[in-house]
C-alpha cells in the first residue's frame, strides 16, 4: 500500500484539477471586446439579487457578445451601400430575435404531439380490451 501512495504522489496533477485551473483563469481585460464592468452590470440587472457571477461567466459572455457584434456587422457590411441604416440592422438581427418565437413554437408542437400520443394510447387500450377475449 505504501508503494501505491508514492505512485499517486508522483503524478503531476489530475486532469480535473488542471481543468479547474484553466477555467478559473480570467482573460485579461484588454483582450475582451467590452469592459468587464459593463457586462457585469448588465448581468446583474437581470439576475436575482445576491447571485454571484463567476469570472468565467463574465469573460465568456463578453467574448460571446463580441462574436455576435462581429456576425451582425459582417451581415450589414455585405450590403453594397456606403452607409448602414436601421433597416439593415433589423434584417441582420432578425435571425437572433426569432429564436424565442421558434422555442415557443417547439413547445406548442411538443404539447400537441403529447396529446396525440395520449389519444393513441387510449385507442390502443380500447383495441386491446375489445379484441382480447
Protein backbone atom coordinates (compact mmCIF):
# COMPACT_ATOMS: atom_id res chain seq x y z
CA UNK A 1 0.00 0.00 0.00
CA UNK A 2 2.85 2.39 0.69
CA UNK A 3 4.06 1.91 -2.88
CA UNK A 4 0.65 2.88 -4.28
CA UNK A 5 0.64 6.17 -2.36
CA UNK A 6 4.09 7.12 -3.65
CA UNK A 7 3.00 6.43 -7.24
CA UNK A 8 -0.06 8.67 -6.81
CA UNK A 9 2.03 11.38 -5.21
CA UNK A 10 4.47 11.34 -8.14
CA UNK A 11 1.74 12.09 -10.68
CA UNK A 12 1.96 15.77 -11.70
CA UNK A 13 -1.73 16.61 -11.31
CA UNK A 14 -5.10 15.17 -12.01
CA UNK A 15 -6.96 16.27 -15.13
CA UNK A 16 -9.86 17.58 -13.04
CA UNK A 17 -7.64 19.97 -11.09
CA UNK A 18 -5.90 21.15 -14.26
CA UNK A 19 -9.27 21.74 -15.92
CA UNK A 20 -10.50 23.78 -12.93
CA UNK A 21 -7.34 25.87 -13.03
CA UNK A 22 -7.84 26.60 -16.74
CA UNK A 23 -11.48 27.56 -16.14
CA UNK A 24 -10.64 29.91 -13.29
CA UNK A 25 -8.03 31.79 -15.32
CA UNK A 26 -9.51 35.11 -16.36
CA UNK A 27 -8.86 36.66 -19.74
CA UNK A 28 -7.04 39.96 -19.44
CA UNK A 29 -9.35 42.96 -19.76
CA UNK A 30 -7.52 44.36 -22.79
CA UNK A 31 -8.28 41.18 -24.80
CA UNK A 32 -12.04 41.38 -24.15
CA UNK A 33 -14.29 43.18 -26.65
CA UNK A 34 -16.21 45.12 -23.95
CA UNK A 35 -15.32 46.44 -20.50
CA UNK A 36 -15.93 43.68 -17.94
CA UNK A 37 -17.87 46.07 -15.69
CA UNK A 38 -20.39 46.77 -18.45
CA UNK A 39 -21.13 43.06 -18.85
CA UNK A 40 -21.35 42.52 -15.09
CA UNK A 41 -23.75 45.46 -14.65
CA UNK A 42 -25.99 44.19 -17.44
CA UNK A 43 -26.00 40.67 -15.97
CA UNK A 44 -26.83 41.99 -12.51
CA UNK A 45 -29.87 43.84 -13.88
CA UNK A 46 -31.41 40.54 -14.94
CA UNK A 47 -30.21 38.14 -12.23
CA UNK A 48 -31.69 37.73 -8.76
CA UNK A 49 -30.01 39.96 -6.19
CA UNK A 50 -27.29 38.27 -4.21
CA UNK A 51 -26.43 35.86 -7.03
CA UNK A 52 -22.70 35.55 -7.55
CA UNK A 53 -21.27 35.75 -11.09
CA UNK A 54 -18.14 33.70 -11.65
CA UNK A 55 -15.28 35.21 -13.63
CA UNK A 56 -15.61 32.55 -16.31
CA UNK A 57 -19.21 33.63 -16.96
CA UNK A 58 -18.21 37.28 -17.19
CA UNK A 59 -15.46 36.55 -19.68
CA UNK A 60 -17.35 34.03 -21.80
CA UNK A 61 -20.41 36.30 -22.01
CA UNK A 62 -18.14 39.15 -23.05
CA UNK A 63 -16.47 37.09 -25.80
CA UNK A 64 -19.82 35.71 -26.99
CA UNK A 65 -21.32 39.20 -27.24
CA UNK A 66 -18.25 40.32 -29.16
CA UNK A 67 -18.78 37.47 -31.64
CA UNK A 68 -22.43 38.44 -32.02
CA UNK A 69 -21.47 42.03 -32.83
CA UNK A 70 -18.96 40.70 -35.35
CA UNK A 71 -21.56 38.48 -37.08
CA UNK A 72 -24.12 41.28 -37.26
CA UNK A 73 -21.53 43.76 -38.54
CA UNK A 74 -20.45 41.31 -41.28
CA UNK A 75 -24.09 40.88 -42.33
CA UNK A 76 -24.58 44.66 -42.51
CA UNK A 77 -21.26 45.04 -44.34
CA UNK A 78 -22.46 42.69 -47.06
CA UNK A 79 -24.74 45.43 -48.43
CA UNK A 80 -23.25 47.41 -51.34
CA UNK A 81 -24.05 50.78 -49.77
CA UNK A 82 -21.59 53.22 -48.19
CA UNK A 83 -23.78 53.50 -45.07
CA UNK A 84 -25.51 51.27 -42.56
CA UNK A 85 -29.07 52.08 -41.56
CA UNK A 86 -31.72 50.80 -39.17
CA UNK A 87 -33.34 48.54 -41.77
CA UNK A 88 -30.05 46.76 -42.34
CA UNK A 89 -29.60 46.33 -38.61
CA UNK A 90 -33.12 44.92 -38.18
CA UNK A 91 -32.53 42.46 -41.01
CA UNK A 92 -29.16 41.42 -39.56
CA UNK A 93 -30.55 40.76 -36.06
CA UNK A 94 -33.79 39.11 -37.22
CA UNK A 95 -32.49 35.52 -37.01
CA UNK A 96 -31.48 36.10 -33.39
CA UNK A 97 -34.74 37.81 -32.49
CA UNK A 98 -36.86 34.95 -33.84
CA UNK A 99 -35.15 32.32 -31.71
CA UNK A 100 -37.62 32.89 -28.86
CA UNK A 101 -40.57 32.53 -31.23
CA UNK A 102 -39.12 29.28 -32.55
CA UNK A 103 -38.70 27.99 -28.99
CA UNK A 104 -42.36 28.76 -28.22
CA UNK A 105 -43.44 27.03 -31.43
CA UNK A 106 -41.35 24.00 -30.45
CA UNK A 107 -43.08 23.82 -27.05
CA UNK A 108 -46.52 24.09 -28.71
CA UNK A 109 -45.69 21.27 -31.14
CA UNK A 110 -44.41 19.06 -28.32
CA UNK A 111 -47.66 19.57 -26.38
CA UNK A 112 -49.71 18.68 -29.46
CA UNK A 113 -47.62 15.55 -30.04
CA UNK A 114 -48.05 14.53 -26.40
CA UNK A 115 -51.85 14.87 -26.71
CA UNK A 116 -51.79 12.80 -29.92
CA UNK A 117 -49.72 10.17 -28.13
CA UNK A 118 -52.21 10.10 -25.26
CA UNK A 119 -55.08 9.65 -27.74
CA UNK A 120 -53.18 6.81 -29.42
CA UNK A 121 -52.59 5.15 -26.04
CA UNK A 122 -56.34 5.30 -25.34
CA UNK A 123 -57.11 3.76 -28.73
CA UNK A 124 -54.55 1.00 -28.18
CA UNK A 125 -56.05 0.13 -24.83
CA UNK A 126 -59.57 0.07 -26.35
CA UNK A 127 -58.42 -2.23 -29.17
CA UNK A 128 -56.65 -4.50 -26.68
CA UNK A 129 -59.76 -4.62 -24.47
CA UNK A 130 -62.18 -5.37 -27.33
CA UNK A 131 -60.12 -7.95 -29.20
CA UNK A 132 -58.57 -9.86 -26.31
CA UNK A 133 -61.01 -12.47 -25.19
